């Protein structure tokens, strides 16, 4: 996906497709950065829960550098649903993010 910086949009953008919704802000540069984008779908509860779990895991790793990231991940995965686990991403990717957070990256 290439980033288009020169395109100017003067009208309100309406979200019509959930898959494209995530990329609309990265591709289009609006004339007014404070202009609201109206969505035609409700927020994904699973994505919100996954973001909260991810933030909680990163906070635990930062607070307890001696805790292994795999143990933090295992303890957090016990408390979430399968849909949230899917939204978190692949197991090795989550562990990599936690290790990077532990190193301070």
N, C-alpha and C. Protein backbone atom coordinates (compact mmCIF):
# COMPACT_ATOMS: atom_id res chain seq x y z
N UNK A 1 0.85 -1.17 0.00
CA UNK A 1 0.00 0.00 0.00
C UNK A 1 0.89 1.23 0.00
N UNK A 2 0.67 2.10 -0.93
CA UNK A 2 1.46 3.32 -0.98
C UNK A 2 0.70 4.45 -0.32
N UNK A 3 1.43 5.34 0.25
CA UNK A 3 0.85 6.46 0.96
C UNK A 3 0.71 7.63 0.00
N UNK A 4 -0.50 8.11 -0.16
CA UNK A 4 -0.76 9.22 -1.07
C UNK A 4 -0.88 10.48 -0.22
N UNK A 5 0.09 11.38 -0.34
CA UNK A 5 0.08 12.58 0.48
C UNK A 5 -0.51 13.79 -0.23
N UNK A 6 -0.57 13.76 -1.56
CA UNK A 6 -0.99 14.94 -2.28
C UNK A 6 -2.50 15.02 -2.48
N UNK A 7 -3.23 13.95 -2.22
CA UNK A 7 -4.67 13.96 -2.44
C UNK A 7 -5.37 14.79 -1.37
N UNK A 8 -6.21 15.69 -1.77
CA UNK A 8 -6.96 16.52 -0.85
C UNK A 8 -8.43 16.13 -0.93
N UNK A 9 -9.06 15.95 0.19
CA UNK A 9 -10.48 15.60 0.24
C UNK A 9 -11.20 16.71 0.98
N UNK A 10 -12.17 17.30 0.33
CA UNK A 10 -12.87 18.42 0.96
C UNK A 10 -14.22 18.03 1.52
N UNK A 11 -14.66 16.81 1.31
CA UNK A 11 -15.95 16.39 1.82
C UNK A 11 -15.76 15.39 2.95
N UNK A 12 -16.83 15.12 3.66
CA UNK A 12 -16.78 14.14 4.74
C UNK A 12 -16.71 12.75 4.14
N UNK A 13 -15.83 11.93 4.67
CA UNK A 13 -15.66 10.57 4.18
C UNK A 13 -16.53 9.66 5.02
N UNK A 14 -17.34 8.86 4.37
CA UNK A 14 -18.17 7.90 5.07
C UNK A 14 -17.58 6.52 4.91
N UNK A 15 -17.55 5.78 5.99
CA UNK A 15 -17.01 4.43 5.96
C UNK A 15 -18.08 3.50 5.42
N UNK A 16 -17.78 2.80 4.34
CA UNK A 16 -18.75 1.87 3.76
C UNK A 16 -18.29 0.43 3.83
N UNK A 17 -17.04 0.20 4.14
CA UNK A 17 -16.51 -1.14 4.18
C UNK A 17 -15.59 -1.28 5.38
N UNK A 18 -15.86 -2.25 6.22
CA UNK A 18 -15.07 -2.45 7.44
C UNK A 18 -13.61 -2.74 7.12
N UNK A 19 -13.32 -3.50 6.05
CA UNK A 19 -11.94 -3.84 5.72
C UNK A 19 -11.16 -2.61 5.27
N UNK A 20 -11.80 -1.72 4.54
CA UNK A 20 -11.12 -0.53 4.06
C UNK A 20 -11.08 0.58 5.10
N UNK A 21 -11.90 0.47 6.12
CA UNK A 21 -11.99 1.51 7.15
C UNK A 21 -10.66 1.74 7.83
N UNK A 22 -9.92 0.69 8.08
CA UNK A 22 -8.65 0.82 8.80
C UNK A 22 -7.62 1.58 7.98
N UNK A 23 -7.74 1.57 6.65
CA UNK A 23 -6.75 2.17 5.79
C UNK A 23 -7.14 3.55 5.28
N UNK A 24 -8.37 3.99 5.52
CA UNK A 24 -8.82 5.26 4.95
C UNK A 24 -8.02 6.44 5.48
N UNK A 25 -7.65 6.42 6.75
CA UNK A 25 -6.90 7.54 7.32
C UNK A 25 -5.45 7.55 6.82
N UNK A 26 -4.89 6.39 6.52
CA UNK A 26 -3.51 6.32 6.08
C UNK A 26 -3.36 6.72 4.62
N UNK A 27 -4.40 6.57 3.83
CA UNK A 27 -4.30 6.82 2.40
C UNK A 27 -4.73 8.24 2.05
N UNK A 28 -5.73 8.78 2.73
CA UNK A 28 -6.27 10.08 2.37
C UNK A 28 -5.84 11.16 3.35
N UNK A 29 -5.45 12.28 2.84
CA UNK A 29 -5.12 13.41 3.68
C UNK A 29 -6.25 14.42 3.52
N UNK A 30 -6.91 14.74 4.60
CA UNK A 30 -8.05 15.63 4.54
C UNK A 30 -7.59 17.08 4.67
N UNK A 31 -8.39 18.00 4.13
CA UNK A 31 -8.01 19.40 4.21
C UNK A 31 -8.08 19.90 5.65
N UNK A 32 -9.02 19.40 6.42
CA UNK A 32 -9.14 19.77 7.83
C UNK A 32 -8.84 18.54 8.68
N UNK A 33 -7.73 18.51 9.40
CA UNK A 33 -7.39 17.30 10.16
C UNK A 33 -8.35 17.02 11.31
N UNK A 34 -9.14 17.99 11.71
CA UNK A 34 -10.07 17.80 12.82
C UNK A 34 -11.46 17.40 12.35
N UNK A 35 -11.63 17.24 11.04
CA UNK A 35 -12.92 16.86 10.49
C UNK A 35 -13.21 15.41 10.86
N UNK A 36 -14.41 15.17 11.30
CA UNK A 36 -14.79 13.83 11.75
C UNK A 36 -15.10 12.93 10.56
N UNK A 37 -14.72 11.66 10.67
CA UNK A 37 -15.05 10.66 9.68
C UNK A 37 -16.22 9.86 10.24
N UNK A 38 -17.29 9.81 9.50
CA UNK A 38 -18.50 9.12 9.97
C UNK A 38 -18.45 7.66 9.55
N UNK A 39 -18.64 6.78 10.51
CA UNK A 39 -18.60 5.34 10.26
C UNK A 39 -20.01 4.80 10.18
N UNK A 40 -20.20 3.80 9.33
CA UNK A 40 -21.51 3.18 9.18
C UNK A 40 -21.57 1.83 9.89
N UNK A 41 -20.61 1.55 10.75
CA UNK A 41 -20.60 0.29 11.47
C UNK A 41 -20.24 0.55 12.93
N UNK A 42 -20.71 -0.32 13.83
CA UNK A 42 -20.35 -0.16 15.24
C UNK A 42 -18.89 -0.57 15.46
N UNK A 43 -18.29 -0.14 16.56
CA UNK A 43 -16.90 -0.55 16.83
C UNK A 43 -16.83 -2.05 17.12
N UNK A 44 -15.72 -2.64 16.80
CA UNK A 44 -15.52 -4.06 17.05
C UNK A 44 -15.11 -4.25 18.51
N UNK A 45 -15.96 -4.90 19.26
CA UNK A 45 -15.68 -5.13 20.67
C UNK A 45 -14.45 -6.02 20.87
N UNK A 46 -14.25 -6.95 19.95
CA UNK A 46 -13.09 -7.85 20.07
C UNK A 46 -11.79 -7.10 19.85
N UNK A 47 -11.76 -6.17 18.89
CA UNK A 47 -10.55 -5.39 18.65
C UNK A 47 -10.25 -4.47 19.83
N UNK A 48 -11.29 -3.91 20.42
CA UNK A 48 -11.11 -3.04 21.59
C UNK A 48 -10.55 -3.85 22.75
N UNK A 49 -11.14 -5.03 22.99
CA UNK A 49 -10.66 -5.89 24.07
C UNK A 49 -9.22 -6.33 23.82
N UNK A 50 -8.88 -6.63 22.56
CA UNK A 50 -7.51 -7.05 22.24
C UNK A 50 -6.53 -5.91 22.48
N UNK A 51 -6.92 -4.69 22.15
CA UNK A 51 -6.04 -3.54 22.40
C UNK A 51 -5.83 -3.33 23.89
N UNK A 52 -6.88 -3.54 24.69
CA UNK A 52 -6.75 -3.40 26.14
C UNK A 52 -5.85 -4.48 26.72
N UNK A 53 -6.00 -5.71 26.25
CA UNK A 53 -5.16 -6.81 26.73
C UNK A 53 -3.71 -6.57 26.34
N UNK A 54 -3.49 -6.12 25.12
CA UNK A 54 -2.13 -5.83 24.65
C UNK A 54 -1.48 -4.73 25.49
N UNK A 55 -2.23 -3.68 25.78
CA UNK A 55 -1.70 -2.59 26.61
C UNK A 55 -1.41 -3.08 28.02
N UNK A 56 -2.29 -3.94 28.55
CA UNK A 56 -2.07 -4.47 29.90
C UNK A 56 -0.82 -5.34 29.94
N UNK A 57 -0.61 -6.16 28.91
CA UNK A 57 0.58 -7.01 28.87
C UNK A 57 1.85 -6.18 28.77
N UNK A 58 1.82 -5.13 27.95
CA UNK A 58 3.00 -4.26 27.83
C UNK A 58 3.29 -3.57 29.15
N UNK A 59 2.25 -3.16 29.86
CA UNK A 59 2.46 -2.51 31.16
C UNK A 59 3.06 -3.48 32.18
N UNK A 60 2.61 -4.74 32.15
CA UNK A 60 3.14 -5.74 33.07
C UNK A 60 4.61 -6.01 32.78
N UNK A 61 4.96 -6.11 31.50
CA UNK A 61 6.35 -6.37 31.12
C UNK A 61 7.24 -5.20 31.50
N UNK A 62 6.74 -3.96 31.34
CA UNK A 62 7.54 -2.79 31.73
C UNK A 62 7.70 -2.72 33.25
N UNK A 63 6.66 -3.06 33.99
CA UNK A 63 6.71 -2.96 35.45
C UNK A 63 7.55 -4.09 36.07
N UNK A 64 7.53 -5.27 35.45
CA UNK A 64 8.26 -6.43 35.97
C UNK A 64 9.22 -6.95 34.91
N UNK A 65 10.40 -6.36 34.76
CA UNK A 65 11.32 -6.82 33.72
C UNK A 65 11.82 -8.24 33.93
N UNK A 66 11.72 -8.76 35.13
CA UNK A 66 12.19 -10.12 35.38
C UNK A 66 11.16 -11.17 34.95
N UNK A 67 9.92 -10.75 34.70
CA UNK A 67 8.88 -11.70 34.28
C UNK A 67 9.08 -12.07 32.81
N UNK A 68 9.11 -13.35 32.50
CA UNK A 68 9.28 -13.77 31.10
C UNK A 68 8.04 -13.38 30.28
N UNK A 69 8.23 -12.86 29.08
CA UNK A 69 7.09 -12.48 28.24
C UNK A 69 6.14 -13.64 27.96
N UNK A 70 6.68 -14.85 27.84
CA UNK A 70 5.81 -16.00 27.57
C UNK A 70 4.87 -16.27 28.75
N UNK A 71 5.35 -16.05 29.97
CA UNK A 71 4.51 -16.25 31.15
C UNK A 71 3.44 -15.17 31.23
N UNK A 72 3.79 -13.94 30.90
CA UNK A 72 2.81 -12.85 30.90
C UNK A 72 1.73 -13.13 29.87
N UNK A 73 2.14 -13.55 28.67
CA UNK A 73 1.19 -13.85 27.62
C UNK A 73 0.27 -15.01 28.01
N UNK A 74 0.85 -16.07 28.58
CA UNK A 74 0.05 -17.23 28.97
C UNK A 74 -0.98 -16.87 30.03
N UNK A 75 -0.59 -16.06 30.99
CA UNK A 75 -1.54 -15.69 32.05
C UNK A 75 -2.65 -14.79 31.52
N UNK A 76 -2.35 -13.93 30.55
CA UNK A 76 -3.38 -13.06 29.99
C UNK A 76 -4.31 -13.81 29.05
N UNK A 77 -3.78 -14.80 28.32
CA UNK A 77 -4.61 -15.55 27.39
C UNK A 77 -5.64 -16.41 28.10
N UNK A 78 -5.40 -16.73 29.36
CA UNK A 78 -6.37 -17.52 30.12
C UNK A 78 -7.66 -16.74 30.38
N UNK A 79 -7.58 -15.43 30.37
CA UNK A 79 -8.74 -14.61 30.76
C UNK A 79 -9.53 -14.07 29.58
N UNK A 80 -9.10 -14.31 28.34
CA UNK A 80 -9.79 -13.71 27.19
C UNK A 80 -10.46 -14.78 26.34
N UNK A 81 -11.40 -14.34 25.52
CA UNK A 81 -12.13 -15.26 24.64
C UNK A 81 -11.30 -15.61 23.41
N UNK A 82 -11.78 -16.58 22.65
CA UNK A 82 -11.08 -16.99 21.44
C UNK A 82 -11.07 -15.88 20.40
N UNK A 83 -12.14 -15.09 20.32
CA UNK A 83 -12.20 -14.00 19.35
C UNK A 83 -11.15 -12.93 19.66
N UNK A 84 -10.93 -12.66 20.93
CA UNK A 84 -9.93 -11.69 21.33
C UNK A 84 -8.53 -12.24 21.04
N UNK A 85 -8.34 -13.53 21.27
CA UNK A 85 -7.04 -14.16 20.96
C UNK A 85 -6.72 -14.03 19.48
N UNK A 86 -7.73 -14.18 18.66
CA UNK A 86 -7.55 -14.04 17.22
C UNK A 86 -7.15 -12.62 16.86
N UNK A 87 -7.77 -11.64 17.49
CA UNK A 87 -7.48 -10.23 17.20
C UNK A 87 -6.09 -9.82 17.70
N UNK A 88 -5.56 -10.51 18.70
CA UNK A 88 -4.23 -10.18 19.21
C UNK A 88 -3.14 -10.45 18.18
N UNK A 89 -3.35 -11.45 17.33
CA UNK A 89 -2.34 -11.79 16.34
C UNK A 89 -1.68 -13.11 16.65
N UNK A 90 -0.68 -13.44 15.83
CA UNK A 90 0.01 -14.70 16.01
C UNK A 90 0.79 -14.70 17.32
N UNK A 91 0.93 -15.89 17.88
CA UNK A 91 1.59 -16.07 19.17
C UNK A 91 3.02 -15.53 19.16
N UNK A 92 3.78 -15.86 18.12
CA UNK A 92 5.16 -15.40 18.06
C UNK A 92 5.26 -13.89 17.86
N UNK A 93 4.30 -13.31 17.18
CA UNK A 93 4.30 -11.85 16.98
C UNK A 93 4.03 -11.12 18.29
N UNK A 94 3.11 -11.65 19.07
CA UNK A 94 2.81 -11.03 20.37
C UNK A 94 4.02 -11.13 21.29
N UNK A 95 4.66 -12.30 21.30
CA UNK A 95 5.86 -12.46 22.13
C UNK A 95 6.97 -11.52 21.70
N UNK A 96 7.13 -11.33 20.40
CA UNK A 96 8.15 -10.41 19.89
C UNK A 96 7.87 -8.98 20.36
N UNK A 97 6.59 -8.57 20.28
CA UNK A 97 6.24 -7.22 20.75
C UNK A 97 6.52 -7.06 22.23
N UNK A 98 6.24 -8.10 23.01
CA UNK A 98 6.50 -8.03 24.46
C UNK A 98 7.99 -7.98 24.75
N UNK A 99 8.79 -8.76 24.02
CA UNK A 99 10.24 -8.71 24.23
C UNK A 99 10.81 -7.34 23.86
N UNK A 100 10.30 -6.75 22.80
CA UNK A 100 10.76 -5.43 22.41
C UNK A 100 10.35 -4.40 23.46
N UNK A 101 9.17 -4.54 24.01
CA UNK A 101 8.71 -3.63 25.06
C UNK A 101 9.59 -3.77 26.29
N UNK A 102 9.99 -4.99 26.59
CA UNK A 102 10.85 -5.24 27.75
C UNK A 102 12.21 -4.59 27.58
N UNK A 103 12.74 -4.62 26.33
CA UNK A 103 14.03 -4.00 26.05
C UNK A 103 13.94 -2.49 25.95
N UNK A 104 12.73 -1.96 25.87
CA UNK A 104 12.57 -0.51 25.79
C UNK A 104 12.47 0.03 24.39
N UNK A 105 12.13 -0.81 23.45
CA UNK A 105 12.02 -0.37 22.05
C UNK A 105 10.64 0.17 21.77
